[in-house]
Amino acid sequence: MVGSLSTACADVVADSIVVELSRGRPQSEAGSLQSLCWA
């Protein structure tokens, strides 16, 4: 459960970083960040 907690929390923080980097950028750049995550 501790390991699952750490992974879930890191996932949320990483998503927050993606949102911050995508803010104010063109849609193509935001899509590139999502592609990086899924890749």
ModelCIF file with pLDDT and N, C-alpha, C, O atoms, coordinates in Angstrom:
data_MODEL
#
_entry.id   MODEL 
#
_entity.id                         1 
_entity.type                       polymer 
_entity.pdbx_number_of_molecules   1 
#
_entity_poly.entity_id                      1 
_entity_poly.type                           'polypeptide(L)' 
_entity_poly.nstd_linkage                   no 
_entity_poly.nstd_monomer                   no 
_entity_poly.pdbx_seq_one_letter_code       MVGSLSTACADVVADSIVVELSRGRPQSEAGSLQSLCWA 
_entity_poly.pdbx_seq_one_letter_code_can   MVGSLSTACADVVADSIVVELSRGRPQSEAGSLQSLCWA 
_entity_poly.pdbx_strand_id                 A 
#
loop_
_entity_poly_seq.entity_id 
_entity_poly_seq.num 
_entity_poly_seq.mon_id 
_entity_poly_seq.hetero 
1 1  MET n 
1 2  VAL n 
1 3  GLY n 
1 4  SER n 
1 5  LEU n 
1 6  SER n 
1 7  THR n 
1 8  ALA n 
1 9  CYS n 
1 10 ALA n 
1 11 ASP n 
1 12 VAL n 
1 13 VAL n 
1 14 ALA n 
1 15 ASP n 
1 16 SER n 
1 17 ILE n 
1 18 VAL n 
1 19 VAL n 
1 20 GLU n 
1 21 LEU n 
1 22 SER n 
1 23 ARG n 
1 24 GLY n 
1 25 ARG n 
1 26 PRO n 
1 27 GLN n 
1 28 SER n 
1 29 GLU n 
1 30 ALA n 
1 31 GLY n 
1 32 SER n 
1 33 LEU n 
1 34 GLN n 
1 35 SER n 
1 36 LEU n 
1 37 CYS n 
1 38 TRP n 
1 39 ALA n 
#
_struct_asym.id          A 
_struct_asym.entity_id   1 
#
loop_
_ma_qa_metric.id 
_ma_qa_metric.mode 
_ma_qa_metric.name 
_ma_qa_metric.software_group_id 
_ma_qa_metric.type 
1 global pLDDT . pLDDT 
2 local  pLDDT . pLDDT 
#
_ma_qa_metric_global.metric_id      1 
_ma_qa_metric_global.metric_value   83.62 
_ma_qa_metric_global.model_id       1 
_ma_qa_metric_global.ordinal_id     1 
#
loop_
_ma_qa_metric_local.label_asym_id 
_ma_qa_metric_local.label_comp_id 
_ma_qa_metric_local.label_seq_id 
_ma_qa_metric_local.metric_id 
_ma_qa_metric_local.metric_value 
_ma_qa_metric_local.model_id 
_ma_qa_metric_local.ordinal_id 
A MET 1  2 93.00 1 1  
A VAL 2  2 93.00 1 2  
A GLY 3  2 91.00 1 3  
A SER 4  2 91.00 1 4  
A LEU 5  2 92.00 1 5  
A SER 6  2 91.00 1 6  
A THR 7  2 90.00 1 7  
A ALA 8  2 91.00 1 8  
A CYS 9  2 91.00 1 9  
A ALA 10 2 89.00 1 10 
A ASP 11 2 89.00 1 11 
A VAL 12 2 89.00 1 12 
A VAL 13 2 88.00 1 13 
A ALA 14 2 87.00 1 14 
A ASP 15 2 85.00 1 15 
A SER 16 2 85.00 1 16 
A ILE 17 2 83.00 1 17 
A VAL 18 2 84.00 1 18 
A VAL 19 2 82.00 1 19 
A GLU 20 2 82.00 1 20 
A LEU 21 2 80.00 1 21 
A SER 22 2 80.00 1 22 
A ARG 23 2 80.00 1 23 
A GLY 24 2 75.00 1 24 
A ARG 25 2 74.00 1 25 
A PRO 26 2 76.00 1 26 
A GLN 27 2 75.00 1 27 
A SER 28 2 72.00 1 28 
A GLU 29 2 73.00 1 29 
A ALA 30 2 72.00 1 30 
A GLY 31 2 79.00 1 31 
A SER 32 2 80.00 1 32 
A LEU 33 2 80.00 1 33 
A GLN 34 2 78.00 1 34 
A SER 35 2 83.00 1 35 
A LEU 36 2 83.00 1 36 
A CYS 37 2 83.00 1 37 
A TRP 38 2 85.00 1 38 
A ALA 39 2 87.00 1 39 
#
loop_
_atom_site.group_PDB 
_atom_site.id 
_atom_site.type_symbol 
_atom_site.label_atom_id 
_atom_site.label_alt_id 
_atom_site.label_comp_id 
_atom_site.label_asym_id 
_atom_site.label_entity_id 
_atom_site.label_seq_id 
_atom_site.pdbx_PDB_ins_code 
_atom_site.Cartn_x 
_atom_site.Cartn_y 
_atom_site.Cartn_z 
_atom_site.occupancy 
_atom_site.B_iso_or_equiv 
_atom_site.pdbx_formal_charge 
_atom_site.auth_seq_id 
_atom_site.auth_comp_id 
_atom_site.auth_asym_id 
_atom_site.auth_atom_id 
_atom_site.pdbx_PDB_model_num 
ATOM 1   N N  . MET A 1 1  ? 0.831  -1.204 0.000   1.00 93.00 ? 1  MET A N  1 
ATOM 2   C CA . MET A 1 1  ? 0.000  0.000  0.000   1.00 93.00 ? 1  MET A CA 1 
ATOM 3   C C  . MET A 1 1  ? 0.869  1.260  0.000   1.00 93.00 ? 1  MET A C  1 
ATOM 4   O O  . MET A 1 1  ? 0.533  2.245  -0.657  1.00 93.00 ? 1  MET A O  1 
ATOM 5   N N  . VAL A 1 2  ? 1.970  1.231  0.725   1.00 93.00 ? 2  VAL A N  1 
ATOM 6   C CA . VAL A 1 2  ? 2.885  2.373  0.713   1.00 93.00 ? 2  VAL A CA 1 
ATOM 7   C C  . VAL A 1 2  ? 3.476  2.558  -0.688  1.00 93.00 ? 2  VAL A C  1 
ATOM 8   O O  . VAL A 1 2  ? 3.589  3.680  -1.181  1.00 93.00 ? 2  VAL A O  1 
ATOM 9   N N  . GLY A 1 3  ? 3.853  1.439  -1.323  1.00 91.00 ? 3  GLY A N  1 
ATOM 10  C CA . GLY A 1 3  ? 4.365  1.544  -2.686  1.00 91.00 ? 3  GLY A CA 1 
ATOM 11  C C  . GLY A 1 3  ? 3.327  2.063  -3.655  1.00 91.00 ? 3  GLY A C  1 
ATOM 12  O O  . GLY A 1 3  ? 3.642  2.873  -4.527  1.00 91.00 ? 3  GLY A O  1 
ATOM 13  N N  . SER A 1 4  ? 2.081  1.603  -3.513  1.00 91.00 ? 4  SER A N  1 
ATOM 14  C CA . SER A 1 4  ? 1.004  2.100  -4.364  1.00 91.00 ? 4  SER A CA 1 
ATOM 15  C C  . SER A 1 4  ? 0.738  3.579  -4.107  1.00 91.00 ? 4  SER A C  1 
ATOM 16  O O  . SER A 1 4  ? 0.464  4.334  -5.041  1.00 91.00 ? 4  SER A O  1 
ATOM 17  N N  . LEU A 1 5  ? 0.817  3.995  -2.841  1.00 92.00 ? 5  LEU A N  1 
ATOM 18  C CA . LEU A 1 5  ? 0.636  5.397  -2.492  1.00 92.00 ? 5  LEU A CA 1 
ATOM 19  C C  . LEU A 1 5  ? 1.702  6.264  -3.145  1.00 92.00 ? 5  LEU A C  1 
ATOM 20  O O  . LEU A 1 5  ? 1.397  7.324  -3.691  1.00 92.00 ? 5  LEU A O  1 
ATOM 21  N N  . SER A 1 6  ? 2.948  5.817  -3.092  1.00 91.00 ? 6  SER A N  1 
ATOM 22  C CA . SER A 1 6  ? 4.036  6.608  -3.680  1.00 91.00 ? 6  SER A CA 1 
ATOM 23  C C  . SER A 1 6  ? 3.870  6.731  -5.195  1.00 91.00 ? 6  SER A C  1 
ATOM 24  O O  . SER A 1 6  ? 4.109  7.797  -5.763  1.00 91.00 ? 6  SER A O  1 
ATOM 25  N N  . THR A 1 7  ? 3.463  5.651  -5.843  1.00 90.00 ? 7  THR A N  1 
ATOM 26  C CA . THR A 1 7  ? 3.283  5.696  -7.298  1.00 90.00 ? 7  THR A CA 1 
ATOM 27  C C  . THR A 1 7  ? 2.116  6.602  -7.681  1.00 90.00 ? 7  THR A C  1 
ATOM 28  O O  . THR A 1 7  ? 2.221  7.378  -8.631  1.00 90.00 ? 7  THR A O  1 
ATOM 29  N N  . ALA A 1 8  ? 1.009  6.511  -6.952  1.00 91.00 ? 8  ALA A N  1 
ATOM 30  C CA . ALA A 1 8  ? -0.158 7.339  -7.260  1.00 91.00 ? 8  ALA A CA 1 
ATOM 31  C C  . ALA A 1 8  ? 0.135  8.816  -7.035  1.00 91.00 ? 8  ALA A C  1 
ATOM 32  O O  . ALA A 1 8  ? -0.258 9.658  -7.842  1.00 91.00 ? 8  ALA A O  1 
ATOM 33  N N  . CYS A 1 9  ? 0.819  9.133  -5.947  1.00 91.00 ? 9  CYS A N  1 
ATOM 34  C CA . CYS A 1 9  ? 1.150  10.532 -5.652  1.00 91.00 ? 9  CYS A CA 1 
ATOM 35  C C  . CYS A 1 9  ? 2.118  11.088 -6.699  1.00 91.00 ? 9  CYS A C  1 
ATOM 36  O O  . CYS A 1 9  ? 1.963  12.224 -7.147  1.00 91.00 ? 9  CYS A O  1 
ATOM 37  N N  . ALA A 1 10 ? 3.122  10.283 -7.093  1.00 89.00 ? 10 ALA A N  1 
ATOM 38  C CA . ALA A 1 10 ? 4.053  10.734 -8.131  1.00 89.00 ? 10 ALA A CA 1 
ATOM 39  C C  . ALA A 1 10 ? 3.335  10.952 -9.446  1.00 89.00 ? 10 ALA A C  1 
ATOM 40  O O  . ALA A 1 10 ? 3.684  11.861 -10.198 1.00 89.00 ? 10 ALA A O  1 
ATOM 41  N N  . ASP A 1 11 ? 2.338  10.132 -9.736  1.00 89.00 ? 11 ASP A N  1 
ATOM 42  C CA . ASP A 1 11 ? 1.552  10.295 -10.956 1.00 89.00 ? 11 ASP A CA 1 
ATOM 43  C C  . ASP A 1 11 ? 0.807  11.624 -10.953 1.00 89.00 ? 11 ASP A C  1 
ATOM 44  O O  . ASP A 1 11 ? 0.768  12.316 -11.970 1.00 89.00 ? 11 ASP A O  1 
ATOM 45  N N  . VAL A 1 12 ? 0.220  11.980 -9.827  1.00 89.00 ? 12 VAL A N  1 
ATOM 46  C CA . VAL A 1 12 ? -0.509 13.253 -9.723  1.00 89.00 ? 12 VAL A CA 1 
ATOM 47  C C  . VAL A 1 12 ? 0.449  14.434 -9.871  1.00 89.00 ? 12 VAL A C  1 
ATOM 48  O O  . VAL A 1 12 ? 0.143  15.399 -10.572 1.00 89.00 ? 12 VAL A O  1 
ATOM 49  N N  . VAL A 1 13 ? 1.602  14.359 -9.216  1.00 88.00 ? 13 VAL A N  1 
ATOM 50  C CA . VAL A 1 13 ? 2.565  15.453 -9.305  1.00 88.00 ? 13 VAL A CA 1 
ATOM 51  C C  . VAL A 1 13 ? 3.085  15.600 -10.731 1.00 88.00 ? 13 VAL A C  1 
ATOM 52  O O  . VAL A 1 13 ? 3.251  16.717 -11.222 1.00 88.00 ? 13 VAL A O  1 
ATOM 53  N N  . ALA A 1 14 ? 3.341  14.473 -11.396 1.00 87.00 ? 14 ALA A N  1 
ATOM 54  C CA . ALA A 1 14 ? 3.801  14.540 -12.785 1.00 87.00 ? 14 ALA A CA 1 
ATOM 55  C C  . ALA A 1 14 ? 2.730  15.150 -13.684 1.00 87.00 ? 14 ALA A C  1 
ATOM 56  O O  . ALA A 1 14 ? 3.042  15.942 -14.573 1.00 87.00 ? 14 ALA A O  1 
ATOM 57  N N  . ASP A 1 15 ? 1.469  14.784 -13.455 1.00 85.00 ? 15 ASP A N  1 
ATOM 58  C CA . ASP A 1 15 ? 0.382  15.391 -14.232 1.00 85.00 ? 15 ASP A CA 1 
ATOM 59  C C  . ASP A 1 15 ? 0.303  16.896 -13.985 1.00 85.00 ? 15 ASP A C  1 
ATOM 60  O O  . ASP A 1 15 ? 0.020  17.665 -14.905 1.00 85.00 ? 15 ASP A O  1 
ATOM 61  N N  . SER A 1 16 ? 0.553  17.315 -12.747 1.00 85.00 ? 16 SER A N  1 
ATOM 62  C CA . SER A 1 16 ? 0.537  18.750 -12.441 1.00 85.00 ? 16 SER A CA 1 
ATOM 63  C C  . SER A 1 16 ? 1.647  19.480 -13.187 1.00 85.00 ? 16 SER A C  1 
ATOM 64  O O  . SER A 1 16 ? 1.446  20.593 -13.672 1.00 85.00 ? 16 SER A O  1 
ATOM 65  N N  . ILE A 1 17 ? 2.818  18.855 -13.278 1.00 83.00 ? 17 ILE A N  1 
ATOM 66  C CA . ILE A 1 17 ? 3.920  19.473 -14.016 1.00 83.00 ? 17 ILE A CA 1 
ATOM 67  C C  . ILE A 1 17 ? 3.572  19.587 -15.497 1.00 83.00 ? 17 ILE A C  1 
ATOM 68  O O  . ILE A 1 17 ? 3.882  20.591 -16.139 1.00 83.00 ? 17 ILE A O  1 
ATOM 69  N N  . VAL A 1 18 ? 2.933  18.562 -16.030 1.00 84.00 ? 18 VAL A N  1 
ATOM 70  C CA . VAL A 1 18 ? 2.524  18.596 -17.440 1.00 84.00 ? 18 VAL A CA 1 
ATOM 71  C C  . VAL A 1 18 ? 1.542  19.740 -17.678 1.00 84.00 ? 18 VAL A C  1 
ATOM 72  O O  . VAL A 1 18 ? 1.642  20.445 -18.682 1.00 84.00 ? 18 VAL A O  1 
ATOM 73  N N  . VAL A 1 19 ? 0.594  19.928 -16.758 1.00 82.00 ? 19 VAL A N  1 
ATOM 74  C CA . VAL A 1 19 ? -0.380 21.019 -16.894 1.00 82.00 ? 19 VAL A CA 1 
ATOM 75  C C  . VAL A 1 19 ? 0.316  22.372 -16.844 1.00 82.00 ? 19 VAL A C  1 
ATOM 76  O O  . VAL A 1 19 ? -0.010 23.268 -17.622 1.00 82.00 ? 19 VAL A O  1 
ATOM 77  N N  . GLU A 1 20 ? 1.272  22.523 -15.933 1.00 82.00 ? 20 GLU A N  1 
ATOM 78  C CA . GLU A 1 20 ? 1.977  23.798 -15.820 1.00 82.00 ? 20 GLU A CA 1 
ATOM 79  C C  . GLU A 1 20 ? 2.803  24.085 -17.072 1.00 82.00 ? 20 GLU A C  1 
ATOM 80  O O  . GLU A 1 20 ? 2.848  25.225 -17.535 1.00 82.00 ? 20 GLU A O  1 
ATOM 81  N N  . LEU A 1 21 ? 3.450  23.069 -17.619 1.00 80.00 ? 21 LEU A N  1 
ATOM 82  C CA . LEU A 1 21 ? 4.244  23.277 -18.832 1.00 80.00 ? 21 LEU A CA 1 
ATOM 83  C C  . LEU A 1 21 ? 3.366  23.545 -20.044 1.00 80.00 ? 21 LEU A C  1 
ATOM 84  O O  . LEU A 1 21 ? 3.790  24.235 -20.971 1.00 80.00 ? 21 LEU A O  1 
ATOM 85  N N  . SER A 1 22 ? 2.156  23.012 -20.053 1.00 80.00 ? 22 SER A N  1 
ATOM 86  C CA . SER A 1 22 ? 1.256  23.193 -21.193 1.00 80.00 ? 22 SER A CA 1 
ATOM 87  C C  . SER A 1 22 ? 0.507  24.513 -21.151 1.00 80.00 ? 22 SER A C  1 
ATOM 88  O O  . SER A 1 22 ? -0.047 24.936 -22.165 1.00 80.00 ? 22 SER A O  1 
ATOM 89  N N  . ARG A 1 23 ? 0.479  25.170 -20.003 1.00 80.00 ? 23 ARG A N  1 
ATOM 90  C CA . ARG A 1 23 ? -0.302 26.403 -19.856 1.00 80.00 ? 23 ARG A CA 1 
ATOM 91  C C  . ARG A 1 23 ? 0.291  27.513 -20.722 1.00 80.00 ? 23 ARG A C  1 
ATOM 92  O O  . ARG A 1 23 ? 1.477  27.832 -20.626 1.00 80.00 ? 23 ARG A O  1 
ATOM 93  N N  . GLY A 1 24 ? -0.557 28.091 -21.566 1.00 75.00 ? 24 GLY A N  1 
ATOM 94  C CA . GLY A 1 24 ? -0.118 29.185 -22.416 1.00 75.00 ? 24 GLY A CA 1 
ATOM 95  C C  . GLY A 1 24 ? 0.668  28.762 -23.634 1.00 75.00 ? 24 GLY A C  1 
ATOM 96  O O  . GLY A 1 24 ? 1.155  29.615 -24.375 1.00 75.00 ? 24 GLY A O  1 
ATOM 97  N N  . ARG A 1 25 ? 0.807  27.466 -23.863 1.00 74.00 ? 25 ARG A N  1 
ATOM 98  C CA . ARG A 1 25 ? 1.534  26.976 -25.030 1.00 74.00 ? 25 ARG A CA 1 
ATOM 99  C C  . ARG A 1 25 ? 0.558  26.560 -26.124 1.00 74.00 ? 25 ARG A C  1 
ATOM 100 O O  . ARG A 1 25 ? -0.613 26.309 -25.839 1.00 74.00 ? 25 ARG A O  1 
ATOM 101 N N  . PRO A 1 26 ? 1.014  26.483 -27.358 1.00 76.00 ? 26 PRO A N  1 
ATOM 102 C CA . PRO A 1 26 ? 0.136  26.005 -28.438 1.00 76.00 ? 26 PRO A CA 1 
ATOM 103 C C  . PRO A 1 26 ? -0.313 24.567 -28.206 1.00 76.00 ? 26 PRO A C  1 
ATOM 104 O O  . PRO A 1 26 ? 0.326  23.813 -27.474 1.00 76.00 ? 26 PRO A O  1 
ATOM 105 N N  . GLN A 1 27 ? -1.400 24.210 -28.830 1.00 75.00 ? 27 GLN A N  1 
ATOM 106 C CA . GLN A 1 27 ? -1.965 22.879 -28.643 1.00 75.00 ? 27 GLN A CA 1 
ATOM 107 C C  . GLN A 1 27 ? -1.008 21.789 -29.103 1.00 75.00 ? 27 GLN A C  1 
ATOM 108 O O  . GLN A 1 27 ? -1.002 20.693 -28.544 1.00 75.00 ? 27 GLN A O  1 
ATOM 109 N N  . SER A 1 28 ? -0.205 22.079 -30.111 1.00 72.00 ? 28 SER A N  1 
ATOM 110 C CA . SER A 1 28 ? 0.738  21.083 -30.608 1.00 72.00 ? 28 SER A CA 1 
ATOM 111 C C  . SER A 1 28 ? 1.786  20.736 -29.551 1.00 72.00 ? 28 SER A C  1 
ATOM 112 O O  . SER A 1 28 ? 2.177  19.576 -29.425 1.00 72.00 ? 28 SER A O  1 
ATOM 113 N N  . GLU A 1 29 ? 2.244  21.737 -28.788 1.00 73.00 ? 29 GLU A N  1 
ATOM 114 C CA . GLU A 1 29 ? 3.233  21.470 -27.749 1.00 73.00 ? 29 GLU A CA 1 
ATOM 115 C C  . GLU A 1 29 ? 2.612  20.691 -26.598 1.00 73.00 ? 29 GLU A C  1 
ATOM 116 O O  . GLU A 1 29 ? 3.249  19.789 -26.052 1.00 73.00 ? 29 GLU A O  1 
ATOM 117 N N  . ALA A 1 30 ? 1.381  21.021 -26.220 1.00 72.00 ? 30 ALA A N  1 
ATOM 118 C CA . ALA A 1 30 ? 0.706  20.256 -25.176 1.00 72.00 ? 30 ALA A CA 1 
ATOM 119 C C  . ALA A 1 30 ? 0.526  18.803 -25.604 1.00 72.00 ? 30 ALA A C  1 
ATOM 120 O O  . ALA A 1 30 ? 0.688  17.890 -24.795 1.00 72.00 ? 30 ALA A O  1 
ATOM 121 N N  . GLY A 1 31 ? 0.194  18.592 -26.866 1.00 79.00 ? 31 GLY A N  1 
ATOM 122 C CA . GLY A 1 31 ? 0.083  17.226 -27.361 1.00 79.00 ? 31 GLY A CA 1 
ATOM 123 C C  . GLY A 1 31 ? 1.406  16.496 -27.341 1.00 79.00 ? 31 GLY A C  1 
ATOM 124 O O  . GLY A 1 31 ? 1.441  15.285 -27.119 1.00 79.00 ? 31 GLY A O  1 
ATOM 125 N N  . SER A 1 32 ? 2.504  17.215 -27.571 1.00 80.00 ? 32 SER A N  1 
ATOM 126 C CA . SER A 1 32 ? 3.823  16.579 -27.521 1.00 80.00 ? 32 SER A CA 1 
ATOM 127 C C  . SER A 1 32 ? 4.149  16.108 -26.107 1.00 80.00 ? 32 SER A C  1 
ATOM 128 O O  . SER A 1 32 ? 4.754  15.050 -25.932 1.00 80.00 ? 32 SER A O  1 
ATOM 129 N N  . LEU A 1 33 ? 3.757  16.879 -25.103 1.00 80.00 ? 33 LEU A N  1 
ATOM 130 C CA . LEU A 1 33 ? 3.988  16.457 -23.722 1.00 80.00 ? 33 LEU A CA 1 
ATOM 131 C C  . LEU A 1 33 ? 3.191  15.203 -23.391 1.00 80.00 ? 33 LEU A C  1 
ATOM 132 O O  . LEU A 1 33 ? 3.704  14.292 -22.741 1.00 80.00 ? 33 LEU A O  1 
ATOM 133 N N  . GLN A 1 34 ? 1.944  15.153 -23.834 1.00 78.00 ? 34 GLN A N  1 
ATOM 134 C CA . GLN A 1 34 ? 1.142  13.949 -23.609 1.00 78.00 ? 34 GLN A CA 1 
ATOM 135 C C  . GLN A 1 34 ? 1.746  12.751 -24.338 1.00 78.00 ? 34 GLN A C  1 
ATOM 136 O O  . GLN A 1 34 ? 1.734  11.634 -23.820 1.00 78.00 ? 34 GLN A O  1 
ATOM 137 N N  . SER A 1 35 ? 2.263  12.979 -25.516 1.00 83.00 ? 35 SER A N  1 
ATOM 138 C CA . SER A 1 35 ? 2.910  11.890 -26.257 1.00 83.00 ? 35 SER A CA 1 
ATOM 139 C C  . SER A 1 35 ? 4.130  11.387 -25.516 1.00 83.00 ? 35 SER A C  1 
ATOM 140 O O  . SER A 1 35 ? 4.400  10.186 -25.500 1.00 83.00 ? 35 SER A O  1 
ATOM 141 N N  . LEU A 1 36 ? 4.873  12.302 -24.898 1.00 83.00 ? 36 LEU A N  1 
ATOM 142 C CA . LEU A 1 36 ? 6.035  11.898 -24.105 1.00 83.00 ? 36 LEU A CA 1 
ATOM 143 C C  . LEU A 1 36 ? 5.623  11.014 -22.935 1.00 83.00 ? 36 LEU A C  1 
ATOM 144 O O  . LEU A 1 36 ? 6.283  10.018 -22.642 1.00 83.00 ? 36 LEU A O  1 
ATOM 145 N N  . CYS A 1 37 ? 4.531  11.380 -22.267 1.00 83.00 ? 37 CYS A N  1 
ATOM 146 C CA . CYS A 1 37 ? 4.049  10.587 -21.131 1.00 83.00 ? 37 CYS A CA 1 
ATOM 147 C C  . CYS A 1 37 ? 3.656  9.180  -21.562 1.00 83.00 ? 37 CYS A C  1 
ATOM 148 O O  . CYS A 1 37 ? 4.090  8.196  -20.964 1.00 83.00 ? 37 CYS A O  1 
ATOM 149 N N  . TRP A 1 38 ? 2.835  9.092  -22.599 1.00 85.00 ? 38 TRP A N  1 
ATOM 150 C CA . TRP A 1 38 ? 2.364  7.783  -23.045 1.00 85.00 ? 38 TRP A CA 1 
ATOM 151 C C  . TRP A 1 38 ? 3.492  6.950  -23.647 1.00 85.00 ? 38 TRP A C  1 
ATOM 152 O O  . TRP A 1 38 ? 3.492  5.725  -23.525 1.00 85.00 ? 38 TRP A O  1 
ATOM 153 N N  . ALA A 1 39 ? 4.445  7.604  -24.291 1.00 87.00 ? 39 ALA A N  1 
ATOM 154 C CA . ALA A 1 39 ? 5.585  6.857  -24.835 1.00 87.00 ? 39 ALA A CA 1 
ATOM 155 C C  . ALA A 1 39 ? 6.422  6.257  -23.714 1.00 87.00 ? 39 ALA A C  1 
ATOM 156 O O  . ALA A 1 39 ? 7.425  5.594  -23.979 1.00 87.00 ? 39 ALA A O  1 
#
